[in-house]
Structures are given as C-alpha cells and as structure tokens.
C-alpha cells in the first residue's frame, strides 16, 4: 500500500493546521501510522485515497453517508438548487418544506430549527431547556459535541471554566439509579436530561421509559441526541424504534447524506422558547444542504434503504459473532468489534487497509454496500482475524486513544 502522497500532504498539514486535521476522529489521534491519510474521492461504498488506493469504506464519513458517496439523486437535487442560489437575504421556502418533512417522520417533532453541526443542535437544545425550566444543571450520557457544557467533563477540557464544568453531571447507561442520584443531589436544579438513546449498547427493558418518567417527575426536559441513530436505526431515530418519545431531539449526520445540516426538533410549547432564546446562524438556512436533506429523506423512504442496510448489517454481525474471537456490539446499521487492546485494534485496522477495507473496527452501513462488498469484508476478516494472535503491532500508535466521534 503506497502512502507517499498522503505522507507528503500530512507533512504540510502539520505546519498550517493545529493537530493536522479539522475533525478529531479523522486524524492521527485515532488512526495508526500505516493507514491512508487523505481521501481524494468517493463513489457508492468505495473511496480512493490521494495515492490511488481503493477501499470499501465502512466508516461512512463518521456516519453521515447513508445512501453512498455521490448519490445521483441527492447531488442532482443540490445542482438544481445551486443554479437558483445557495443563500439569500431572506428565508427560502426549503426551510419550511424540510421542517414539515421532519415533523412528518420524527415522532417528537412539532417544530424545527436548523444548525450545521451536531454541537449546534445539542447546545441549542440545552439553552432551550434551561430557558424553559429556569434551571442550570444538566444530566447527560454519551458524547454531544465540543461545546463547554459537555466537553468540560471530558479529558480534553482545557479552556473550559471550572464553574461550567460543575453544572454537567454524567449518569450511567442502563443504570437508572445513577440518574436518580443526580436529581436527588440537585433538587429542582436540573434543567434537562440529554442522552444518546442508544450508542452501541442496547437499552435494558424499561430503561428508556424509566428515564422519561424520572425526568418528567422532576420537572426536567428529556432530550435525545439522535445524531447517529437518526435516519440510521430508523428514519425517525431510536425514538421511533423503541417507542419512547422525548421532549426534544437533535438530528444530523445522515439527515443530508453528507451535506452539513443538523436540526433541533421537539414539542411546540418548548420550541416556541426560541422566540426569546438566541439561536441564529448566517448559514442556518443554507439551501444546498436543505435540498440534500429533502432528497435524502424522500429517497430513504422510497427505496426502503434501511431494510437493505439491516440485512447487510445482520450478515456481518452473525458472521463475526460466529467465526471471530471478538465480540461485536451495536445494531445492524452501526456495529463495532471489541478488541482486547488498542494495539490489537491498530494492527487490525492496518491489515484491513492493506486489503482494501477502510474501518476503525466499525461497520457504519450504507445503502450502496453491495453483496460483493460484504463478501469481500468477510473474506478479509477470515484472513486477518487469525493473524492478530500471531503478529505484533509494529507501527506508530495514534497520538491519543481518547474516544470521541
């Protein structure tokens, strides 16, 4: 695997980009040294790096690519809108059309506001909940972005004031007592519970229902962060799949098949607080991403894409579970192999890349993953898994193994 051009570009990047990348999980923090560094183009489920190496991609841009790279229906919708304009001096009707579409497919959605990144949506929802309840504290589970309120309690909290760190409190997934403890410790002070309704661990029977009950019992707002589960676990997210409807929810990633868009959706009485809560972006109503979202959601429904994703995802889950020494966790649209050590994972990633598979040990499924793609992946696994016990990791590890997305 030739990586000459990748390494050349990276050497320049270090001089002009702090950390060498714009996105933590795409950089040297998470990938070992003998891996491709820069992607040049993608089509369907395949990508090509700057050195011309071809890979079947199971990272999917960290989950935004749901239909496949350069989907003609999505890109044609964007080109059509591009001929009319990208952003204007007044709102565009697409803001209304896409909002109505989201209200149609997401159970909790009665009103909608748009952002560009996941952090926009989650932080806007937090501010909204604080305004609605008049409270400051937050109970949270999962990863919700780079903003102070959630990043202050992680390992990478440099620059976050200590007073802000003290307002956010973690609880444990599938352990309802840990959430109850927060409400008891901060009576009448918790504005909201924000959580990923499912990451890679399935909720225990009644857990999400109990979270909703306790949250409402204490007068707080329940927010589901559906950045990943939205349009991937089900079109309406985990709330549709599990039948537990939150007060607010945050969507993004697969909402527009890779075009930058996120959304806060929720109950009208809470969403109307945006009349006094400032949440505004010059590019909040940018039309290319809205056109992409409209086309993406309509196509997901029209071709029943998630059924095909589920079929292929299940095939991988069953095969890995039956024939590998490692456990695989998650749901069909997004699974992850659990390795006993980071060095094992890094070796696995390198061996797969050398054989034309781009993965971080995850399978973020796309509609365009073909039967041939799945067969190739599984044949590579049959070759690579036995090698992991016989070989030692010899490349350079990532700068850090701090896990964020």
Protein backbone atom coordinates (compact mmCIF):
# COMPACT_ATOMS: atom_id res chain seq x y z
CA UNK A 1 0.00 0.00 0.00
CA UNK A 2 1.73 3.15 -1.25
CA UNK A 3 1.13 6.18 1.01
CA UNK A 4 3.75 8.57 -0.41
CA UNK A 5 1.37 11.38 -1.35
CA UNK A 6 -0.60 11.03 1.88
CA UNK A 7 2.56 11.48 3.96
CA UNK A 8 3.68 14.43 1.82
CA UNK A 9 0.38 16.28 2.33
CA UNK A 10 0.40 15.44 6.04
CA UNK A 11 3.85 16.95 6.46
CA UNK A 12 2.47 20.22 5.08
CA UNK A 13 -0.69 19.99 7.17
CA UNK A 14 1.28 19.95 10.42
CA UNK A 15 2.68 23.37 9.55
CA UNK A 16 -0.66 25.08 8.93
CA UNK A 17 -3.35 23.08 10.80
CA UNK A 18 -3.13 22.54 14.59
CA UNK A 19 -3.28 18.73 15.13
CA UNK A 20 -3.15 18.36 11.32
CA UNK A 21 -6.90 17.85 10.89
CA UNK A 22 -10.26 19.58 11.29
CA UNK A 23 -12.01 16.57 12.84
CA UNK A 24 -10.54 14.71 15.80
CA UNK A 25 -11.69 11.26 14.76
CA UNK A 26 -10.30 11.57 11.23
CA UNK A 27 -6.76 12.34 12.37
CA UNK A 28 -3.70 10.73 13.84
CA UNK A 29 -5.38 10.62 17.24
CA UNK A 30 -7.41 7.64 16.08
CA UNK A 31 -5.51 6.05 13.19
CA UNK A 32 -2.15 4.23 13.33
CA UNK A 33 0.66 5.45 11.11
CA UNK A 34 0.45 2.91 8.30
CA UNK A 35 -3.02 3.94 7.20
CA UNK A 36 -4.28 6.24 4.43
CA UNK A 37 -4.32 9.87 5.50
CA UNK A 38 -6.26 11.72 2.79
CA UNK A 39 -9.23 10.65 0.69
CA UNK A 40 -9.42 12.06 -2.84
CA UNK A 41 -12.89 10.92 -3.92
CA UNK A 42 -15.73 8.51 -3.27
CA UNK A 43 -18.46 6.76 -5.23
CA UNK A 44 -21.09 4.48 -3.76
CA UNK A 45 -19.47 2.49 -0.97
CA UNK A 46 -15.89 2.92 -2.26
CA UNK A 47 -13.30 5.64 -1.70
CA UNK A 48 -9.90 6.36 -3.25
CA UNK A 49 -7.05 8.00 -1.36
CA UNK A 50 -4.63 10.56 -2.78
CA UNK A 51 -2.20 7.76 -3.69
CA UNK A 52 -4.83 6.00 -5.79
CA UNK A 53 -5.52 3.14 -3.34
CA UNK A 54 -9.13 1.93 -3.39
CA UNK A 55 -11.08 0.90 -0.29
CA UNK A 56 -14.54 -0.31 0.62
CA UNK A 57 -15.50 2.26 3.23
CA UNK A 58 -17.16 1.13 6.46
CA UNK A 59 -16.56 4.40 8.31
CA UNK A 60 -19.01 6.34 6.11
CA UNK A 61 -17.55 9.74 6.94
CA UNK A 62 -18.21 9.06 10.67
CA UNK A 63 -21.86 8.16 9.87
CA UNK A 64 -23.21 10.98 7.62
CA UNK A 65 -23.05 8.88 4.43
CA UNK A 66 -26.15 6.70 4.49
CA UNK A 67 -27.04 6.34 0.80
CA UNK A 68 -23.48 6.23 -0.50
CA UNK A 69 -20.97 8.73 -1.84
CA UNK A 70 -22.06 10.93 -4.76
CA UNK A 71 -25.60 9.59 -4.83
CA UNK A 72 -27.03 10.88 -8.11
CA UNK A 73 -30.48 11.72 -6.72
CA UNK A 74 -29.03 13.80 -3.90
CA UNK A 75 -26.36 15.51 -5.96
CA UNK A 76 -28.83 16.32 -8.75
CA UNK A 77 -31.14 17.98 -6.23
CA UNK A 78 -28.19 20.02 -4.97
CA UNK A 79 -27.12 21.01 -8.51
CA UNK A 80 -30.66 22.09 -9.30
CA UNK A 81 -30.72 24.30 -6.22
CA UNK A 82 -27.21 25.60 -6.94
CA UNK A 83 -28.49 27.03 -10.21
CA UNK A 84 -31.03 29.04 -8.17
CA UNK A 85 -28.69 30.15 -5.38
CA UNK A 86 -27.12 28.96 -2.16
CA UNK A 87 -28.12 31.52 0.45
CA UNK A 88 -30.27 34.63 0.29
CA UNK A 89 -31.14 37.82 2.13
CA UNK A 90 -34.47 36.37 3.28
CA UNK A 91 -35.56 32.82 4.21
CA UNK A 92 -36.14 30.23 1.49
CA UNK A 93 -39.20 28.01 1.17
CA UNK A 94 -36.97 24.92 1.59
CA UNK A 95 -36.71 25.79 5.30
CA UNK A 96 -40.45 25.23 5.58
CA UNK A 97 -40.55 22.16 3.32
CA UNK A 98 -37.80 20.31 5.16
CA UNK A 99 -39.21 21.29 8.56
CA UNK A 100 -42.60 19.87 7.57
CA UNK A 101 -40.91 16.70 6.32
CA UNK A 102 -39.07 16.25 9.62
CA UNK A 103 -42.30 16.77 11.55
CA UNK A 104 -43.81 14.03 9.41
CA UNK A 105 -41.11 11.40 10.05
CA UNK A 106 -39.86 12.12 13.60
CA UNK A 107 -42.28 11.25 16.43
CA UNK A 108 -41.42 14.14 18.79
CA UNK A 109 -41.14 16.79 16.06
CA UNK A 110 -43.76 19.52 16.11
CA UNK A 111 -41.38 22.36 15.26
CA UNK A 112 -37.84 22.56 13.84
CA UNK A 113 -34.73 24.75 13.93
CA UNK A 114 -31.65 24.08 11.80
CA UNK A 115 -27.92 24.21 12.52
CA UNK A 116 -24.89 22.94 10.63
CA UNK A 117 -23.11 20.62 13.11
CA UNK A 118 -24.20 18.31 15.89
CA UNK A 119 -22.75 20.66 18.51
CA UNK A 120 -25.01 23.44 17.20
CA UNK A 121 -28.12 21.35 17.75
CA UNK A 122 -27.23 19.84 21.12
CA UNK A 123 -26.09 23.16 22.57
CA UNK A 124 -29.17 24.92 21.23
CA UNK A 125 -31.36 22.27 22.84
CA UNK A 126 -29.55 22.73 26.16
CA UNK A 127 -30.05 26.50 26.08
CA UNK A 128 -33.70 25.96 25.17
CA UNK A 129 -34.25 23.57 28.09
CA UNK A 130 -32.56 25.96 30.51
CA UNK A 131 -34.76 28.81 29.35
CA UNK A 132 -37.91 26.68 29.53
CA UNK A 133 -37.24 25.39 33.06
CA UNK A 134 -35.30 28.29 34.55
CA UNK A 135 -32.67 25.83 35.78
CA UNK A 136 -28.95 25.43 35.09
CA UNK A 137 -27.81 21.85 35.78
CA UNK A 138 -27.61 19.09 33.16
CA UNK A 139 -27.66 15.30 33.46
CA UNK A 140 -26.02 13.64 30.47
CA UNK A 141 -24.98 10.34 28.99
CA UNK A 142 -22.90 9.99 25.81
CA UNK A 143 -21.00 12.33 23.54
CA UNK A 144 -22.68 15.56 22.48
CA UNK A 145 -20.04 17.75 20.82
CA UNK A 146 -17.23 20.16 21.59
CA UNK A 147 -19.08 22.92 23.47
CA UNK A 148 -18.17 23.90 27.05
CA UNK A 149 -21.23 22.43 28.74
CA UNK A 150 -20.44 18.87 27.61
CA UNK A 151 -16.71 18.96 26.92
CA UNK A 152 -15.89 20.30 30.38
CA UNK A 153 -16.30 16.89 31.98
CA UNK A 154 -14.11 15.04 29.47
CA UNK A 155 -10.35 14.55 29.43
CA UNK A 156 -9.98 17.32 26.86
CA UNK A 157 -11.42 20.16 28.94
CA UNK A 158 -8.63 22.74 28.59
CA UNK A 159 -10.11 26.21 28.30
CA UNK A 160 -13.45 25.32 29.90
CA UNK A 161 -14.16 27.39 33.05
CA UNK A 162 -14.48 25.27 36.20
CA UNK A 163 -17.82 26.88 37.06
CA UNK A 164 -19.27 25.49 33.82
CA UNK A 165 -17.79 22.04 34.44
CA UNK A 166 -19.71 21.89 37.71
CA UNK A 167 -23.09 22.21 36.00
CA UNK A 168 -22.96 18.97 33.99
CA UNK A 169 -23.26 15.54 35.60
CA UNK A 170 -22.80 12.12 34.00
CA UNK A 171 -25.08 9.19 34.59
CA UNK A 172 -24.58 5.57 33.53
CA UNK A 173 -26.44 3.93 30.70
CA UNK A 174 -28.81 1.13 31.79
CA UNK A 175 -28.40 2.14 35.44
CA UNK A 176 -31.41 4.27 36.31
CA UNK A 177 -30.22 4.74 39.91
CA UNK A 178 -27.32 6.87 38.67
CA UNK A 179 -29.75 9.32 37.07
CA UNK A 180 -32.00 9.33 40.10
CA UNK A 181 -28.96 10.18 42.25
CA UNK A 182 -28.33 13.34 40.21
CA UNK A 183 -31.89 14.56 40.70
CA UNK A 184 -31.66 13.85 44.43
CA UNK A 185 -28.32 15.64 44.72
CA UNK A 186 -29.57 18.70 42.81
CA UNK A 187 -33.28 19.03 43.67
CA UNK A 188 -35.20 21.44 41.42
CA UNK A 189 -31.93 22.43 39.71
CA UNK A 190 -31.70 20.04 36.74
CA UNK A 191 -32.95 21.61 33.52
CA UNK A 192 -32.71 18.54 31.32
CA UNK A 193 -31.51 15.04 30.69
CA UNK A 194 -29.63 14.73 27.40
CA UNK A 195 -28.60 11.31 26.20
CA UNK A 196 -27.89 9.10 23.24
CA UNK A 197 -30.91 6.77 23.44
CA UNK A 198 -28.61 4.05 22.14
CA UNK A 199 -24.95 4.09 21.22
CA UNK A 200 -23.66 0.53 20.86
CA UNK A 201 -25.26 -1.00 23.96
CA UNK A 202 -28.92 -1.98 23.84
CA UNK A 203 -31.19 -0.45 26.49
CA UNK A 204 -32.46 -2.82 29.15
CA UNK A 205 -36.18 -3.48 29.23
CA UNK A 206 -37.90 -0.34 30.52
CA UNK A 207 -34.73 1.76 30.87
CA UNK A 208 -35.66 4.50 28.40
CA UNK A 209 -39.21 4.58 29.76
CA UNK A 210 -37.82 4.99 33.29
CA UNK A 211 -35.52 7.80 32.15
CA UNK A 212 -38.50 9.64 30.70
CA UNK A 213 -40.63 9.08 33.81
CA UNK A 214 -37.97 10.27 36.26
CA UNK A 215 -37.08 13.26 34.10
CA UNK A 216 -40.68 14.44 33.94
CA UNK A 217 -41.27 13.59 37.60
CA UNK A 218 -38.62 16.16 38.48
CA UNK A 219 -39.88 18.80 36.04
CA UNK A 220 -36.96 18.50 33.61
CA UNK A 221 -36.83 18.23 29.81
CA UNK A 222 -35.83 14.98 28.08
CA UNK A 223 -33.52 15.42 25.07
CA UNK A 224 -32.45 12.57 22.80
CA UNK A 225 -29.22 13.11 20.88
CA UNK A 226 -30.05 11.20 17.69
CA UNK A 227 -27.09 12.38 15.63
CA UNK A 228 -26.16 8.79 14.84
CA UNK A 229 -29.38 6.84 15.43
CA UNK A 230 -31.44 9.27 13.35
CA UNK A 231 -32.06 8.00 9.79
CA UNK A 232 -29.82 5.02 10.56
CA UNK A 233 -31.52 2.97 13.28
CA UNK A 234 -34.87 4.08 11.89
CA UNK A 235 -35.80 7.10 9.81
CA UNK A 236 -37.34 8.68 12.90
CA UNK A 237 -34.44 7.55 15.06
CA UNK A 238 -34.28 5.44 18.20
CA UNK A 239 -37.42 7.14 19.49
CA UNK A 240 -39.33 5.58 16.60
CA UNK A 241 -37.59 2.22 17.01
CA UNK A 242 -38.14 1.93 20.79
CA UNK A 243 -41.39 3.88 21.01
CA UNK A 244 -40.11 6.28 23.66
CA UNK A 245 -40.74 9.88 22.60
CA UNK A 246 -38.61 12.66 24.14
CA UNK A 247 -39.47 16.35 24.53
CA UNK A 248 -36.66 17.48 22.22
CA UNK A 249 -34.29 15.67 19.88
CA UNK A 250 -31.18 16.53 17.91
CA UNK A 251 -30.58 15.13 14.43
CA UNK A 252 -27.73 15.46 11.95
CA UNK A 253 -25.15 13.32 10.14
CA UNK A 254 -27.26 11.09 7.83
CA UNK A 255 -30.00 13.73 7.54
CA UNK A 256 -28.49 15.01 4.26
CA UNK A 257 -26.16 12.19 3.14
CA UNK A 258 -23.01 14.14 3.96
CA UNK A 259 -24.09 17.73 3.35
CA UNK A 260 -23.69 19.84 6.51
CA UNK A 261 -27.00 20.09 8.35
CA UNK A 262 -28.36 19.45 11.83
CA UNK A 263 -31.72 20.05 13.44
CA UNK A 264 -33.38 20.56 16.81
CA UNK A 265 -36.91 19.18 16.79
CA UNK A 266 -39.46 18.89 19.54
CA UNK A 267 -42.69 19.86 21.23
CA UNK A 268 -44.14 23.20 20.19
CA UNK A 269 -44.51 24.62 23.72
CA UNK A 270 -40.77 24.15 24.35
CA UNK A 271 -39.63 25.04 20.82
CA UNK A 272 -41.53 28.32 21.00
CA UNK A 273 -39.00 29.43 23.61
CA UNK A 274 -36.79 30.21 20.61
CA UNK A 275 -38.79 33.44 20.47
CA UNK A 276 -36.52 34.61 23.31
CA UNK A 277 -33.59 32.15 23.13
CA UNK A 278 -30.92 33.34 20.71
CA UNK A 279 -30.03 30.58 18.24
CA UNK A 280 -29.07 32.05 14.88
CA UNK A 281 -26.65 31.28 12.02
CA UNK A 282 -25.81 33.13 8.81
CA UNK A 283 -25.85 29.70 7.16
CA UNK A 284 -28.74 28.26 9.16
CA UNK A 285 -30.99 28.32 6.10
CA UNK A 286 -28.31 27.42 3.54
CA UNK A 287 -30.22 25.87 0.66
CA UNK A 288 -27.88 23.22 -0.77
CA UNK A 289 -27.93 21.19 2.45
CA UNK A 290 -31.68 21.62 2.77
CA UNK A 291 -32.16 20.39 -0.79
CA UNK A 292 -29.93 17.43 0.04
CA UNK A 293 -31.92 16.66 3.18
CA UNK A 294 -35.22 16.75 1.33
CA UNK A 295 -33.89 14.39 -1.33
CA UNK A 296 -32.18 12.11 1.20
CA UNK A 297 -35.22 11.59 3.42
CA UNK A 298 -37.52 11.06 0.46
CA UNK A 299 -35.15 8.51 -1.07
CA UNK A 300 -34.66 6.64 2.21
CA UNK A 301 -38.41 6.19 2.34
CA UNK A 302 -38.90 5.48 -1.36
CA UNK A 303 -36.31 2.70 -1.73
CA UNK A 304 -36.74 1.33 1.82
CA UNK A 305 -32.99 1.76 2.26
CA UNK A 306 -32.86 0.83 5.94
CA UNK A 307 -34.16 -2.67 5.23
CA UNK A 308 -31.21 -3.36 2.95
CA UNK A 309 -28.85 -1.80 5.47
CA UNK A 310 -30.33 -4.02 8.16
CA UNK A 311 -29.92 -7.16 6.03
CA UNK A 312 -26.26 -6.50 5.29
CA UNK A 313 -25.52 -5.34 8.83
CA UNK A 314 -27.03 -8.51 10.28
CA UNK A 315 -24.96 -10.63 7.92
CA UNK A 316 -21.78 -9.02 9.31
CA UNK A 317 -22.95 -9.34 12.92
CA UNK A 318 -23.76 -13.03 12.60
CA UNK A 319 -20.55 -13.91 10.76
CA UNK A 320 -18.25 -12.01 13.14
CA UNK A 321 -20.08 -13.32 16.18
CA UNK A 322 -19.82 -16.93 14.98
CA UNK A 323 -16.34 -17.02 13.48
CA UNK A 324 -14.15 -14.49 15.28
CA UNK A 325 -12.57 -14.41 18.75
CA UNK A 326 -14.00 -10.93 19.31
CA UNK A 327 -17.39 -9.65 20.39
CA UNK A 328 -19.40 -7.42 18.07
CA UNK A 329 -21.84 -4.91 19.54
CA UNK A 330 -24.40 -2.42 18.22
CA UNK A 331 -27.35 -2.60 15.84
CA UNK A 332 -27.35 -3.60 12.15
CA UNK A 333 -26.85 -0.07 10.84
CA UNK A 334 -23.85 0.50 13.09
CA UNK A 335 -21.72 -2.16 14.75
CA UNK A 336 -18.30 -2.24 16.34
CA UNK A 337 -15.84 -5.01 17.09
CA UNK A 338 -14.48 -5.01 20.63
CA UNK A 339 -10.75 -5.72 20.81
CA UNK A 340 -8.86 -6.74 23.96
CA UNK A 341 -6.26 -4.00 23.46
CA UNK A 342 -5.62 -0.88 21.43
CA UNK A 343 -2.56 -2.45 19.80
CA UNK A 344 -4.78 -5.31 18.56
CA UNK A 345 -7.21 -2.79 17.10
CA UNK A 346 -4.47 -0.77 15.38
CA UNK A 347 -2.99 -3.90 13.83
CA UNK A 348 -6.46 -4.94 12.67
CA UNK A 349 -7.04 -1.54 11.05
CA UNK A 350 -3.72 -1.68 9.21
CA UNK A 351 -4.19 -5.24 7.97
CA UNK A 352 -7.67 -4.39 6.70
CA UNK A 353 -6.49 -1.23 4.92
CA UNK A 354 -3.74 -3.21 3.19
CA UNK A 355 -6.50 -5.47 1.85
CA UNK A 356 -8.80 -2.67 0.66
CA UNK A 357 -11.08 -2.25 3.69
CA UNK A 358 -11.31 1.12 5.46
CA UNK A 359 -12.52 0.61 9.02
CA UNK A 360 -11.91 1.65 12.61
CA UNK A 361 -13.37 -1.64 13.78
CA UNK A 362 -16.80 -0.23 12.94
CA UNK A 363 -19.39 -1.00 10.29
CA UNK A 364 -21.37 2.17 9.55
CA UNK A 365 -23.57 0.73 6.86
CA UNK A 366 -24.61 2.42 3.62
CA UNK A 367 -27.39 1.62 1.20
CA UNK A 368 -24.75 1.13 -1.52
CA UNK A 369 -22.83 -1.59 0.31
CA UNK A 370 -23.29 -4.47 -2.13
CA UNK A 371 -23.29 -8.22 -1.60
CA UNK A 372 -19.81 -8.22 -3.14
CA UNK A 373 -18.66 -5.60 -0.62
CA UNK A 374 -19.92 -7.69 2.29
CA UNK A 375 -18.36 -10.87 0.88
CA UNK A 376 -15.03 -9.06 0.46
CA UNK A 377 -15.17 -7.71 4.02
CA UNK A 378 -15.88 -11.14 5.48
CA UNK A 379 -13.16 -12.80 3.41
CA UNK A 380 -10.67 -10.22 4.64
CA UNK A 381 -11.79 -10.92 8.20
CA UNK A 382 -11.26 -14.65 7.68
CA UNK A 383 -7.68 -13.86 6.73
CA UNK A 384 -6.99 -11.12 9.28
CA UNK A 385 -8.50 -12.45 12.49
CA UNK A 386 -6.11 -15.43 12.77
CA UNK A 387 -3.18 -13.10 12.08
CA UNK A 388 -3.95 -10.93 15.10
CA UNK A 389 -2.77 -13.63 17.50
CA UNK A 390 0.43 -14.27 15.56
CA UNK A 391 1.59 -10.73 14.79
CA UNK A 392 2.59 -7.79 16.95
CA UNK A 393 1.72 -4.19 16.19
CA UNK A 394 4.86 -2.57 14.78
CA UNK A 395 3.63 0.80 13.52
CA UNK A 396 3.24 4.03 15.48
CA UNK A 397 0.06 4.22 17.58
CA UNK A 398 -2.35 7.16 17.42
CA UNK A 399 -1.37 10.30 19.33
CA UNK A 400 -4.11 9.57 21.84
CA UNK A 401 -6.71 6.86 22.37
CA UNK A 402 -9.25 9.35 23.76
CA UNK A 403 -12.52 8.25 22.20
CA UNK A 404 -14.83 10.81 20.65
CA UNK A 405 -16.61 10.92 17.30
